[in-house]
Amino acid sequence: MAFDGEVWRLVRREGPAGEEGGVGEIVVDDADFPWLHGRFVPGPGFPAVEPLFARARALCEAEEWEAFDDAYEEITGRLALVSPSGPVAEFLLHIEDGRAWFRWSEEPFEEG
């Protein structure tokens, strides 16, 4: 698989003094297009954003899509996903129990 073993980084968009901060890494071990799956290795910045992911996941499971969109906007407003070749324009990421699954785009997602 082309993505196997790749390390994707989750970083704060802006940390102290304008620096990016490490939230975690995803070590890809499975691909099911358009989703990639992997082991999530939390970084020092993860505890501050972990509740955001838990809330978004609960809203997704409850199929409360409007509330999910609002909750997920907070995630994407605070965090960036960085592929091995650089930051991606858009992403949808779930993290739960040491696992992450995500899809991404080099272009902004279409509305609707």
PDB file of N, CA and C in Angstrom:
ATOM      1  N   MET A   1       0.851  -1.178   0.000  1.00  0.00           N
ATOM      2  CA  MET A   1       0.000   0.000   0.000  1.00  0.00           C
ATOM      3  C   MET A   1       0.893   1.235   0.000  1.00  0.00           C
ATOM      4  N   ALA A   2       0.523   2.212  -0.777  1.00  0.00           N
ATOM      5  CA  ALA A   2       1.347   3.408  -0.980  1.00  0.00           C
ATOM      6  C   ALA A   2       1.531   4.236   0.288  1.00  0.00           C
ATOM      7  N   PHE A   3       0.563   4.247   1.165  1.00  0.00           N
ATOM      8  CA  PHE A   3       0.625   5.106   2.350  1.00  0.00           C
ATOM      9  C   PHE A   3       1.187   4.401   3.583  1.00  0.00           C
ATOM     10  N   ASP A   4       1.339   3.095   3.515  1.00  0.00           N
ATOM     11  CA  ASP A   4       1.755   2.308   4.669  1.00  0.00           C
ATOM     12  C   ASP A   4       3.054   2.837   5.276  1.00  0.00           C
ATOM     13  N   GLY A   5       3.007   3.113   6.567  1.00  0.00           N
ATOM     14  CA  GLY A   5       4.185   3.584   7.280  1.00  0.00           C
ATOM     15  C   GLY A   5       4.391   5.087   7.255  1.00  0.00           C
ATOM     16  N   GLU A   6       3.608   5.800   6.453  1.00  0.00           N
ATOM     17  CA  GLU A   6       3.749   7.261   6.433  1.00  0.00           C
ATOM     18  C   GLU A   6       3.369   7.837   7.788  1.00  0.00           C
ATOM     19  N   VAL A   7       4.008   8.932   8.143  1.00  0.00           N
ATOM     20  CA  VAL A   7       3.698   9.632   9.384  1.00  0.00           C
ATOM     21  C   VAL A   7       3.114  10.995   9.026  1.00  0.00           C
ATOM     22  N   TRP A   8       1.883  11.207   9.455  1.00  0.00           N
ATOM     23  CA  TRP A   8       1.184  12.473   9.278  1.00  0.00           C
ATOM     24  C   TRP A   8       1.166  13.151  10.639  1.00  0.00           C
ATOM     25  N   ARG A   9       1.348  14.468  10.664  1.00  0.00           N
ATOM     26  CA  ARG A   9       1.406  15.208  11.927  1.00  0.00           C
ATOM     27  C   ARG A   9       0.177  16.088  12.092  1.00  0.00           C
ATOM     28  N   LEU A  10      -0.293  16.147  13.322  1.00  0.00           N
ATOM     29  CA  LEU A  10      -1.369  17.044  13.699  1.00  0.00           C
ATOM     30  C   LEU A  10      -0.746  18.128  14.563  1.00  0.00           C
ATOM     31  N   VAL A  11      -0.885  19.375  14.128  1.00  0.00           N
ATOM     32  CA  VAL A  11      -0.227  20.487  14.818  1.00  0.00           C
ATOM     33  C   VAL A  11      -1.227  21.604  15.089  1.00  0.00           C
ATOM     34  N   ARG A  12      -0.919  22.409  16.113  1.00  0.00           N
ATOM     35  CA  ARG A  12      -1.709  23.621  16.352  1.00  0.00           C
ATOM     36  C   ARG A  12      -1.415  24.580  15.212  1.00  0.00           C
ATOM     37  N   ARG A  13      -2.407  25.308  14.792  1.00  0.00           N
ATOM     38  CA  ARG A  13      -2.193  26.299  13.737  1.00  0.00           C
ATOM     39  C   ARG A  13      -1.258  27.392  14.222  1.00  0.00           C
ATOM     40  N   GLU A  14      -1.393  27.733  15.486  1.00  0.00           N
ATOM     41  CA  GLU A  14      -0.511  28.756  16.038  1.00  0.00           C
ATOM     42  C   GLU A  14      -0.329  28.472  17.510  1.00  0.00           C
ATOM     43  N   GLY A  15       0.890  28.302  17.918  1.00  0.00           N
ATOM     44  CA  GLY A  15       1.193  28.030  19.316  1.00  0.00           C
ATOM     45  C   GLY A  15       1.759  29.262  19.980  1.00  0.00           C
ATOM     46  N   PRO A  16       2.383  29.082  21.125  1.00  0.00           N
ATOM     47  CA  PRO A  16       3.017  30.210  21.802  1.00  0.00           C
ATOM     48  C   PRO A  16       4.020  30.900  20.888  1.00  0.00           C
ATOM     49  N   ALA A  17       4.020  32.192  20.903  1.00  0.00           N
ATOM     50  CA  ALA A  17       4.932  33.006  20.090  1.00  0.00           C
ATOM     51  C   ALA A  17       4.793  32.694  18.600  1.00  0.00           C
ATOM     52  N   GLY A  18       3.589  32.269  18.180  1.00  0.00           N
ATOM     53  CA  GLY A  18       3.334  32.032  16.763  1.00  0.00           C
ATOM     54  C   GLY A  18       3.925  30.749  16.214  1.00  0.00           C
ATOM     55  N   GLU A  19       4.423  29.864  17.068  1.00  0.00           N
ATOM     56  CA  GLU A  19       5.015  28.619  16.597  1.00  0.00           C
ATOM     57  C   GLU A  19       3.973  27.515  16.562  1.00  0.00           C
ATOM     58  N   GLU A  20       4.135  26.603  15.598  1.00  0.00           N
ATOM     59  CA  GLU A  20       3.269  25.439  15.547  1.00  0.00           C
ATOM     60  C   GLU A  20       3.602  24.541  16.722  1.00  0.00           C
ATOM     61  N   GLY A  21       2.623  23.821  17.217  1.00  0.00           N
ATOM     62  CA  GLY A  21       2.862  22.921  18.327  1.00  0.00           C
ATOM     63  C   GLY A  21       2.430  21.513  18.001  1.00  0.00           C
ATOM     64  N   GLY A  22       3.156  20.532  18.523  1.00  0.00           N
ATOM     65  CA  GLY A  22       2.855  19.131  18.264  1.00  0.00           C
ATOM     66  C   GLY A  22       1.657  18.638  19.043  1.00  0.00           C
ATOM     67  N   VAL A  23       0.648  18.188  18.336  1.00  0.00           N
ATOM     68  CA  VAL A  23      -0.538  17.619  18.955  1.00  0.00           C
ATOM     69  C   VAL A  23      -0.469  16.102  18.876  1.00  0.00           C
ATOM     70  N   GLY A  24       0.120  15.587  17.808  1.00  0.00           N
ATOM     71  CA  GLY A  24       0.244  14.145  17.673  1.00  0.00           C
ATOM     72  C   GLY A  24       0.677  13.741  16.284  1.00  0.00           C
ATOM     73  N   GLU A  25       0.895  12.438  16.151  1.00  0.00           N
ATOM     74  CA  GLU A  25       1.269  11.864  14.869  1.00  0.00           C
ATOM     75  C   GLU A  25       0.387  10.662  14.576  1.00  0.00           C
ATOM     76  N   ILE A  26       0.140  10.471  13.295  1.00  0.00           N
ATOM     77  CA  ILE A  26      -0.619   9.314  12.832  1.00  0.00           C
ATOM     78  C   ILE A  26       0.325   8.481  11.979  1.00  0.00           C
ATOM     79  N   VAL A  27       0.526   7.231  12.395  1.00  0.00           N
ATOM     80  CA  VAL A  27       1.356   6.304  11.633  1.00  0.00           C
ATOM     81  C   VAL A  27       0.385   5.438  10.823  1.00  0.00           C
ATOM     82  N   VAL A  28       0.330   5.682   9.524  1.00  0.00           N
ATOM     83  CA  VAL A  28      -0.652   5.038   8.656  1.00  0.00           C
ATOM     84  C   VAL A  28      -0.336   3.549   8.521  1.00  0.00           C
ATOM     85  N   ASP A  29      -1.395   2.724   8.722  1.00  0.00           N
ATOM     86  CA  ASP A  29      -1.222   1.282   8.568  1.00  0.00           C
ATOM     87  C   ASP A  29      -2.327   0.639   7.738  1.00  0.00           C
ATOM     88  N   ASP A  30      -3.262   1.459   7.230  1.00  0.00           N
ATOM     89  CA  ASP A  30      -4.339   0.917   6.407  1.00  0.00           C
ATOM     90  C   ASP A  30      -4.923   2.043   5.566  1.00  0.00           C
ATOM     91  N   ALA A  31      -5.348   1.698   4.366  1.00  0.00           N
ATOM     92  CA  ALA A  31      -5.990   2.670   3.479  1.00  0.00           C
ATOM     93  C   ALA A  31      -7.251   2.045   2.902  1.00  0.00           C
ATOM     94  N   ASP A  32      -8.332   2.789   2.965  1.00  0.00           N
ATOM     95  CA  ASP A  32      -9.613   2.393   2.387  1.00  0.00           C
ATOM     96  C   ASP A  32     -10.146   3.651   1.724  1.00  0.00           C
ATOM     97  N   PHE A  33      -9.676   3.920   0.503  1.00  0.00           N
ATOM     98  CA  PHE A  33      -9.931   5.176  -0.184  1.00  0.00           C
ATOM     99  C   PHE A  33     -11.371   5.618  -0.002  1.00  0.00           C
ATOM    100  N   PRO A  34     -11.601   6.865   0.400  1.00  0.00           N
ATOM    101  CA  PRO A  34     -10.651   7.965   0.548  1.00  0.00           C
ATOM    102  C   PRO A  34     -10.060   8.093   1.961  1.00  0.00           C
ATOM    103  N   TRP A  35     -10.292   7.114   2.803  1.00  0.00           N
ATOM    104  CA  TRP A  35      -9.849   7.191   4.196  1.00  0.00           C
ATOM    105  C   TRP A  35      -8.499   6.521   4.394  1.00  0.00           C
ATOM    106  N   LEU A  36      -7.681   7.125   5.251  1.00  0.00           N
ATOM    107  CA  LEU A  36      -6.463   6.497   5.748  1.00  0.00           C
ATOM    108  C   LEU A  36      -6.676   6.230   7.231  1.00  0.00           C
ATOM    109  N   HIS A  37      -6.094   5.142   7.722  1.00  0.00           N
ATOM    110  CA  HIS A  37      -6.240   4.741   9.121  1.00  0.00           C
ATOM    111  C   HIS A  37      -4.861   4.509   9.695  1.00  0.00           C
ATOM    112  N   GLY A  38      -4.709   4.776  10.986  1.00  0.00           N
ATOM    113  CA  GLY A  38      -3.420   4.511  11.592  1.00  0.00           C
ATOM    114  C   GLY A  38      -3.428   4.648  13.103  1.00  0.00           C
ATOM    115  N   ARG A  39      -2.287   4.326  13.658  1.00  0.00           N
ATOM    116  CA  ARG A  39      -2.079   4.449  15.102  1.00  0.00           C
ATOM    117  C   ARG A  39      -1.840   5.919  15.415  1.00  0.00           C
ATOM    118  N   PHE A  40      -2.539   6.434  16.415  1.00  0.00           N
ATOM    119  CA  PHE A  40      -2.361   7.822  16.826  1.00  0.00           C
ATOM    120  C   PHE A  40      -1.424   7.868  18.019  1.00  0.00           C
ATOM    121  N   VAL A  41      -0.360   8.648  17.872  1.00  0.00           N
ATOM    122  CA  VAL A  41       0.612   8.838  18.945  1.00  0.00           C
ATOM    123  C   VAL A  41       0.435  10.266  19.448  1.00  0.00           C
ATOM    124  N   PRO A  42      -0.182  10.431  20.631  1.00  0.00           N
ATOM    125  CA  PRO A  42      -0.437  11.794  21.117  1.00  0.00           C
ATOM    126  C   PRO A  42       0.838  12.533  21.463  1.00  0.00           C
ATOM    127  N   GLY A  43       0.841  13.823  21.185  1.00  0.00           N
ATOM    128  CA  GLY A  43       1.934  14.703  21.554  1.00  0.00           C
ATOM    129  C   GLY A  43       1.541  15.521  22.761  1.00  0.00           C
ATOM    130  N   PRO A  44       2.415  16.416  23.180  1.00  0.00           N
ATOM    131  CA  PRO A  44       2.136  17.213  24.385  1.00  0.00           C
ATOM    132  C   PRO A  44       0.922  18.120  24.256  1.00  0.00           C
ATOM    133  N   GLY A  45       0.529  18.476  23.051  1.00  0.00           N
ATOM    134  CA  GLY A  45      -0.621  19.359  22.873  1.00  0.00           C
ATOM    135  C   GLY A  45      -1.953  18.644  22.777  1.00  0.00           C
ATOM    136  N   PHE A  46      -1.956  17.310  22.791  1.00  0.00           N
ATOM    137  CA  PHE A  46      -3.214  16.588  22.598  1.00  0.00           C
ATOM    138  C   PHE A  46      -4.215  16.741  23.737  1.00  0.00           C
ATOM    139  N   PRO A  47      -3.815  16.692  24.999  1.00  0.00           N
ATOM    140  CA  PRO A  47      -4.821  16.808  26.062  1.00  0.00           C
ATOM    141  C   PRO A  47      -5.700  18.058  25.944  1.00  0.00           C
ATOM    142  N   ALA A  48      -5.174  19.129  25.410  1.00  0.00           N
ATOM    143  CA  ALA A  48      -5.950  20.370  25.284  1.00  0.00           C
ATOM    144  C   ALA A  48      -7.042  20.275  24.225  1.00  0.00           C
ATOM    145  N   VAL A  49      -6.871  19.398  23.239  1.00  0.00           N
ATOM    146  CA  VAL A  49      -7.860  19.297  22.157  1.00  0.00           C
ATOM    147  C   VAL A  49      -8.620  17.974  22.150  1.00  0.00           C
ATOM    148  N   GLU A  50      -8.225  17.049  22.993  1.00  0.00           N
ATOM    149  CA  GLU A  50      -8.899  15.742  23.032  1.00  0.00           C
ATOM    150  C   GLU A  50     -10.408  15.868  23.224  1.00  0.00           C
ATOM    151  N   PRO A  51     -10.896  16.768  24.105  1.00  0.00           N
ATOM    152  CA  PRO A  51     -12.355  16.897  24.262  1.00  0.00           C
ATOM    153  C   PRO A  51     -13.066  17.340  22.979  1.00  0.00           C
ATOM    154  N   LEU A  52     -12.391  18.081  22.135  1.00  0.00           N
ATOM    155  CA  LEU A  52     -12.996  18.500  20.866  1.00  0.00           C
ATOM    156  C   LEU A  52     -13.286  17.292  19.985  1.00  0.00           C
ATOM    157  N   PHE A  53     -12.338  16.354  19.933  1.00  0.00           N
ATOM    158  CA  PHE A  53     -12.522  15.154  19.128  1.00  0.00           C
ATOM    159  C   PHE A  53     -13.598  14.251  19.711  1.00  0.00           C
ATOM    160  N   ALA A  54     -13.649  14.149  21.031  1.00  0.00           N
ATOM    161  CA  ALA A  54     -14.679  13.331  21.676  1.00  0.00           C
ATOM    162  C   ALA A  54     -16.066  13.894  21.387  1.00  0.00           C
ATOM    163  N   ARG A  55     -16.191  15.214  21.461  1.00  0.00           N
ATOM    164  CA  ARG A  55     -17.489  15.850  21.181  1.00  0.00           C
ATOM    165  C   ARG A  55     -17.895  15.649  19.726  1.00  0.00           C
ATOM    166  N   ALA A  56     -16.974  15.868  18.808  1.00  0.00           N
ATOM    167  CA  ALA A  56     -17.283  15.708  17.385  1.00  0.00           C
ATOM    168  C   ALA A  56     -17.678  14.264  17.083  1.00  0.00           C
ATOM    169  N   ARG A  57     -16.981  13.313  17.671  1.00  0.00           N
ATOM    170  CA  ARG A  57     -17.292  11.896  17.437  1.00  0.00           C
ATOM    171  C   ARG A  57     -18.684  11.551  17.972  1.00  0.00           C
ATOM    172  N   ALA A  58     -19.020  12.042  19.161  1.00  0.00           N
ATOM    173  CA  ALA A  58     -20.342  11.776  19.739  1.00  0.00           C
ATOM    174  C   ALA A  58     -21.445  12.375  18.865  1.00  0.00           C
ATOM    175  N   LEU A  59     -21.235  13.564  18.363  1.00  0.00           N
ATOM    176  CA  LEU A  59     -22.231  14.201  17.494  1.00  0.00           C
ATOM    177  C   LEU A  59     -22.366  13.460  16.176  1.00  0.00           C
ATOM    178  N   CYS A  60     -21.261  12.968  15.654  1.00  0.00           N
ATOM    179  CA  CYS A  60     -21.286  12.182  14.424  1.00  0.00           C
ATOM    180  C   CYS A  60     -22.088  10.900  14.638  1.00  0.00           C
ATOM    181  N   GLU A  61     -21.805  10.196  15.728  1.00  0.00           N
ATOM    182  CA  GLU A  61     -22.516   8.952  16.019  1.00  0.00           C
ATOM    183  C   GLU A  61     -24.006   9.192  16.239  1.00  0.00           C
ATOM    184  N   ALA A  62     -24.351  10.355  16.789  1.00  0.00           N
ATOM    185  CA  ALA A  62     -25.758  10.707  17.016  1.00  0.00           C
ATOM    186  C   ALA A  62     -26.415  11.275  15.755  1.00  0.00           C
ATOM    187  N   GLU A  63     -25.628  11.414  14.700  1.00  0.00           N
ATOM    188  CA  GLU A  63     -26.094  11.981  13.432  1.00  0.00           C
ATOM    189  C   GLU A  63     -26.692  13.373  13.603  1.00  0.00           C
ATOM    190  N   GLU A  64     -26.075  14.150  14.484  1.00  0.00           N
ATOM    191  CA  GLU A  64     -26.452  15.548  14.682  1.00  0.00           C
ATOM    192  C   GLU A  64     -25.505  16.389  13.825  1.00  0.00           C
ATOM    193  N   TRP A  65     -25.782  16.429  12.534  1.00  0.00           N
ATOM    194  CA  TRP A  65     -24.832  16.951  11.550  1.00  0.00           C
ATOM    195  C   TRP A  65     -24.566  18.442  11.680  1.00  0.00           C
ATOM    196  N   GLU A  66     -25.581  19.229  11.953  1.00  0.00           N
ATOM    197  CA  GLU A  66     -25.356  20.673  12.074  1.00  0.00           C
ATOM    198  C   GLU A  66     -24.457  20.967  13.281  1.00  0.00           C
ATOM    199  N   ALA A  67     -24.742  20.324  14.406  1.00  0.00           N
ATOM    200  CA  ALA A  67     -23.905  20.501  15.593  1.00  0.00           C
ATOM    201  C   ALA A  67     -22.507  19.939  15.351  1.00  0.00           C
ATOM    202  N   PHE A  68     -22.424  18.824  14.609  1.00  0.00           N
ATOM    203  CA  PHE A  68     -21.118  18.260  14.277  1.00  0.00           C
ATOM    204  C   PHE A  68     -20.299  19.260  13.458  1.00  0.00           C
ATOM    205  N   ASP A  69     -20.926  19.861  12.453  1.00  0.00           N
ATOM    206  CA  ASP A  69     -20.220  20.839  11.623  1.00  0.00           C
ATOM    207  C   ASP A  69     -19.657  21.979  12.473  1.00  0.00           C
ATOM    208  N   ASP A  70     -20.458  22.466  13.398  1.00  0.00           N
ATOM    209  CA  ASP A  70     -19.999  23.548  14.279  1.00  0.00           C
ATOM    210  C   ASP A  70     -18.836  23.090  15.158  1.00  0.00           C
ATOM    211  N   ALA A  71     -18.952  21.904  15.716  1.00  0.00           N
ATOM    212  CA  ALA A  71     -17.887  21.373  16.576  1.00  0.00           C
ATOM    213  C   ALA A  71     -16.620  21.119  15.766  1.00  0.00           C
ATOM    214  N   TYR A  72     -16.787  20.612  14.561  1.00  0.00           N
ATOM    215  CA  TYR A  72     -15.611  20.297  13.758  1.00  0.00           C
ATOM    216  C   TYR A  72     -14.900  21.559  13.271  1.00  0.00           C
ATOM    217  N   GLU A  73     -15.655  22.632  13.077  1.00  0.00           N
ATOM    218  CA  GLU A  73     -15.041  23.914  12.711  1.00  0.00           C
ATOM    219  C   GLU A  73     -14.041  24.368  13.767  1.00  0.00           C
ATOM    220  N   GLU A  74     -14.329  24.078  15.020  1.00  0.00           N
ATOM    221  CA  GLU A  74     -13.393  24.439  16.078  1.00  0.00           C
ATOM    222  C   GLU A  74     -12.094  23.638  15.942  1.00  0.00           C
ATOM    223  N   ILE A  75     -12.209  22.372  15.566  1.00  0.00           N
ATOM    224  CA  ILE A  75     -11.012  21.548  15.361  1.00  0.00           C
ATOM    225  C   ILE A  75     -10.172  22.113  14.221  1.00  0.00           C
ATOM    226  N   THR A  76     -10.789  22.348  13.082  1.00  0.00           N
ATOM    227  CA  THR A  76     -10.020  22.819  11.927  1.00  0.00           C
ATOM    228  C   THR A  76      -9.542  24.257  12.091  1.00  0.00           C
ATOM    229  N   GLY A  77     -10.216  25.012  12.943  1.00  0.00           N
ATOM    230  CA  GLY A  77      -9.745  26.365  13.224  1.00  0.00           C
ATOM    231  C   GLY A  77      -8.494  26.385  14.085  1.00  0.00           C
ATOM    232  N   ARG A  78      -8.337  25.376  14.914  1.00  0.00           N
ATOM    233  CA  ARG A  78      -7.196  25.320  15.837  1.00  0.00           C
ATOM    234  C   ARG A  78      -6.056  24.425  15.361  1.00  0.00           C
ATOM    235  N   LEU A  79      -6.364  23.452  14.486  1.00  0.00           N
ATOM    236  CA  LEU A  79      -5.369  22.448  14.121  1.00  0.00           C
ATOM    237  C   LEU A  79      -5.165  22.351  12.617  1.00  0.00           C
ATOM    238  N   ALA A  80      -3.994  21.892  12.244  1.00  0.00           N
ATOM    239  CA  ALA A  80      -3.667  21.625  10.841  1.00  0.00           C
ATOM    240  C   ALA A  80      -3.144  20.201  10.750  1.00  0.00           C
ATOM    241  N   LEU A  81      -3.416  19.566   9.618  1.00  0.00           N
ATOM    242  CA  LEU A  81      -2.905  18.231   9.338  1.00  0.00           C
ATOM    243  C   LEU A  81      -1.790  18.367   8.311  1.00  0.00           C
ATOM    244  N   VAL A  82      -0.657  17.753   8.614  1.00  0.00           N
ATOM    245  CA  VAL A  82       0.519  17.880   7.760  1.00  0.00           C
ATOM    246  C   VAL A  82       0.903  16.499   7.237  1.00  0.00           C
ATOM    247  N   SER A  83       0.836  16.345   5.926  1.00  0.00           N
ATOM    248  CA  SER A  83       1.230  15.091   5.278  1.00  0.00           C
ATOM    249  C   SER A  83       2.751  15.026   5.213  1.00  0.00           C
ATOM    250  N   PRO A  84       3.307  13.900   4.802  1.00  0.00           N
ATOM    251  CA  PRO A  84       4.762  13.836   4.642  1.00  0.00           C
ATOM    252  C   PRO A  84       5.311  14.868   3.657  1.00  0.00           C
ATOM    253  N   SER A  85       4.450  15.366   2.751  1.00  0.00           N
ATOM    254  CA  SER A  85       4.915  16.365   1.786  1.00  0.00           C
ATOM    255  C   SER A  85       4.488  17.788   2.129  1.00  0.00           C
ATOM    256  N   GLY A  86       3.783  17.971   3.250  1.00  0.00           N
ATOM    257  CA  GLY A  86       3.412  19.320   3.672  1.00  0.00           C
ATOM    258  C   GLY A  86       1.967  19.421   4.111  1.00  0.00           C
ATOM    259  N   PRO A  87       1.549  20.609   4.563  1.00  0.00           N
ATOM    260  CA  PRO A  87       0.179  20.804   5.057  1.00  0.00           C
ATOM    261  C   PRO A  87      -0.868  20.543   3.981  1.00  0.00           C
ATOM    262  N   VAL A  88      -2.022  20.047   4.404  1.00  0.00           N
ATOM    263  CA  VAL A  88      -3.136  19.827   3.485  1.00  0.00           C
ATOM    264  C   VAL A  88      -4.143  20.958   3.664  1.00  0.00           C
ATOM    265  N   ALA A  89      -4.931  21.227   2.621  1.00  0.00           N
ATOM    266  CA  ALA A  89      -5.881  22.338   2.664  1.00  0.00           C
ATOM    267  C   ALA A  89      -7.075  22.035   3.561  1.00  0.00           C
ATOM    268  N   GLU A  90      -7.580  20.819   3.490  1.00  0.00           N
ATOM    269  CA  GLU A  90      -8.772  20.427   4.262  1.00  0.00           C
ATOM    270  C   GLU A  90      -8.581  18.999   4.750  1.00  0.00           C
ATOM    271  N   PHE A  91      -9.236  18.692   5.869  1.00  0.00           N
ATOM    272  CA  PHE A  91      -9.190  17.322   6.372  1.00  0.00           C
ATOM    273  C   PHE A  91     -10.399  17.050   7.247  1.00  0.00           C
ATOM    274  N   LEU A  92     -10.737  15.790   7.332  1.00  0.00           N
ATOM    275  CA  LEU A  92     -11.749  15.299   8.251  1.00  0.00           C
ATOM    276  C   LEU A  92     -11.084  14.183   9.027  1.00  0.00           C
ATOM    277  N   LEU A  93     -10.949  14.356  10.329  1.00  0.00           N
ATOM    278  CA  LEU A  93     -10.158  13.459  11.171  1.00  0.00           C
ATOM    279  C   LEU A  93     -10.946  13.039  12.400  1.00  0.00           C
ATOM    280  N   HIS A  94     -10.890  11.749  12.686  1.00  0.00           N
ATOM    281  CA  HIS A  94     -11.462  11.212  13.917  1.00  0.00           C
ATOM    282  C   HIS A  94     -10.339  10.544  14.685  1.00  0.00           C
ATOM    283  N   ILE A  95     -10.348  10.714  15.999  1.00  0.00           N
ATOM    284  CA  ILE A  95      -9.369  10.077  16.873  1.00  0.00           C
ATOM    285  C   ILE A  95     -10.130   9.444  18.019  1.00  0.00           C
ATOM    286  N   GLU A  96      -9.849   8.144  18.248  1.00  0.00           N
ATOM    287  CA  GLU A  96     -10.519   7.441  19.338  1.00  0.00           C
ATOM    288  C   GLU A  96      -9.701   6.212  19.715  1.00  0.00           C
ATOM    289  N   ASP A  97      -9.461   6.047  21.008  1.00  0.00           N
ATOM    290  CA  ASP A  97      -8.792   4.857  21.543  1.00  0.00           C
ATOM    291  C   ASP A  97      -7.473   4.532  20.844  1.00  0.00           C
ATOM    292  N   GLY A  98      -6.648   5.552  20.649  1.00  0.00           N
ATOM    293  CA  GLY A  98      -5.328   5.330  20.063  1.00  0.00           C
ATOM    294  C   GLY A  98      -5.319   5.087  18.569  1.00  0.00           C
ATOM    295  N   ARG A  99      -6.453   5.279  17.931  1.00  0.00           N
ATOM    296  CA  ARG A  99      -6.556   5.111  16.480  1.00  0.00           C
ATOM    297  C   ARG A  99      -7.045   6.414  15.858  1.00  0.00           C
ATOM    298  N   ALA A 100      -6.631   6.647  14.630  1.00  0.00           N
ATOM    299  CA  ALA A 100      -7.089   7.819  13.881  1.00  0.00           C
ATOM    300  C   ALA A 100      -7.497   7.362  12.490  1.00  0.00           C
ATOM    301  N   TRP A 101      -8.505   7.991  11.945  1.00  0.00           N
ATOM    302  CA  TRP A 101      -8.880   7.775  10.561  1.00  0.00           C
ATOM    303  C   TRP A 101      -9.257   9.127   9.987  1.00  0.00           C
ATOM    304  N   PHE A 102      -8.821   9.329   8.743  1.00  0.00           N
ATOM    305  CA  PHE A 102      -8.986  10.660   8.164  1.00  0.00           C
ATOM    306  C   PHE A 102      -9.011  10.601   6.648  1.00  0.00           C
ATOM    307  N   ARG A 103      -9.542  11.663   6.098  1.00  0.00           N
ATOM    308  CA  ARG A 103      -9.470  11.927   4.663  1.00  0.00           C
ATOM    309  C   ARG A 103      -8.993  13.355   4.519  1.00  0.00           C
ATOM    310  N   TRP A 104      -8.436  13.678   3.400  1.00  0.00           N
ATOM    311  CA  TRP A 104      -7.879  15.005   3.210  1.00  0.00           C
ATOM    312  C   TRP A 104      -8.019  15.412   1.756  1.00  0.00           C
ATOM    313  N   SER A 105      -7.767  16.701   1.537  1.00  0.00           N
ATOM    314  CA  SER A 105      -7.786  17.242   0.188  1.00  0.00           C
ATOM    315  C   SER A 105      -6.729  18.333   0.081  1.00  0.00           C
ATOM    316  N   GLU A 106      -6.118  18.394  -1.070  1.00  0.00           N
ATOM    317  CA  GLU A 106      -5.168  19.477  -1.331  1.00  0.00           C
ATOM    318  C   GLU A 106      -5.901  20.768  -1.666  1.00  0.00           C
ATOM    319  N   GLU A 107      -7.205  20.645  -1.958  1.00  0.00           N
ATOM    320  CA  GLU A 107      -8.071  21.791  -2.240  1.00  0.00           C
ATOM    321  C   GLU A 107      -9.164  21.832  -1.173  1.00  0.00           C
ATOM    322  N   PRO A 108      -9.725  23.006  -0.891  1.00  0.00           N
ATOM    323  CA  PRO A 108     -10.852  23.069   0.071  1.00  0.00           C
ATOM    324  C   PRO A 108     -12.001  22.166  -0.353  1.00  0.00           C
ATOM    325  N   PHE A 109     -12.657  21.537   0.627  1.00  0.00           N
ATOM    326  CA  PHE A 109     -13.821  20.698   0.355  1.00  0.00           C
ATOM    327  C   PHE A 109     -14.931  21.574  -0.222  1.00  0.00           C
ATOM    328  N   GLU A 110     -15.762  20.962  -1.064  1.00  0.00           N
ATOM    329  CA  GLU A 110     -16.914  21.677  -1.602  1.00  0.00           C
ATOM    330  C   GLU A 110     -17.983  21.800  -0.517  1.00  0.00           C
ATOM    331  N   GLU A 111     -18.655  22.927  -0.494  1.00  0.00           N
ATOM    332  CA  GLU A 111     -19.736  23.124   0.470  1.00  0.00           C
ATOM    333  C   GLU A 111     -20.936  22.288   0.044  1.00  0.00           C
ATOM    334  N   GLY A 112     -21.697  21.833   1.067  1.00  0.00           N
ATOM    335  CA  GLY A 112     -22.932  21.104   0.791  1.00  0.00           C
ATOM    336  C   GLY A 112     -22.658  19.660   0.752  1.00  0.00           C
TER     337      GLY A 112
END
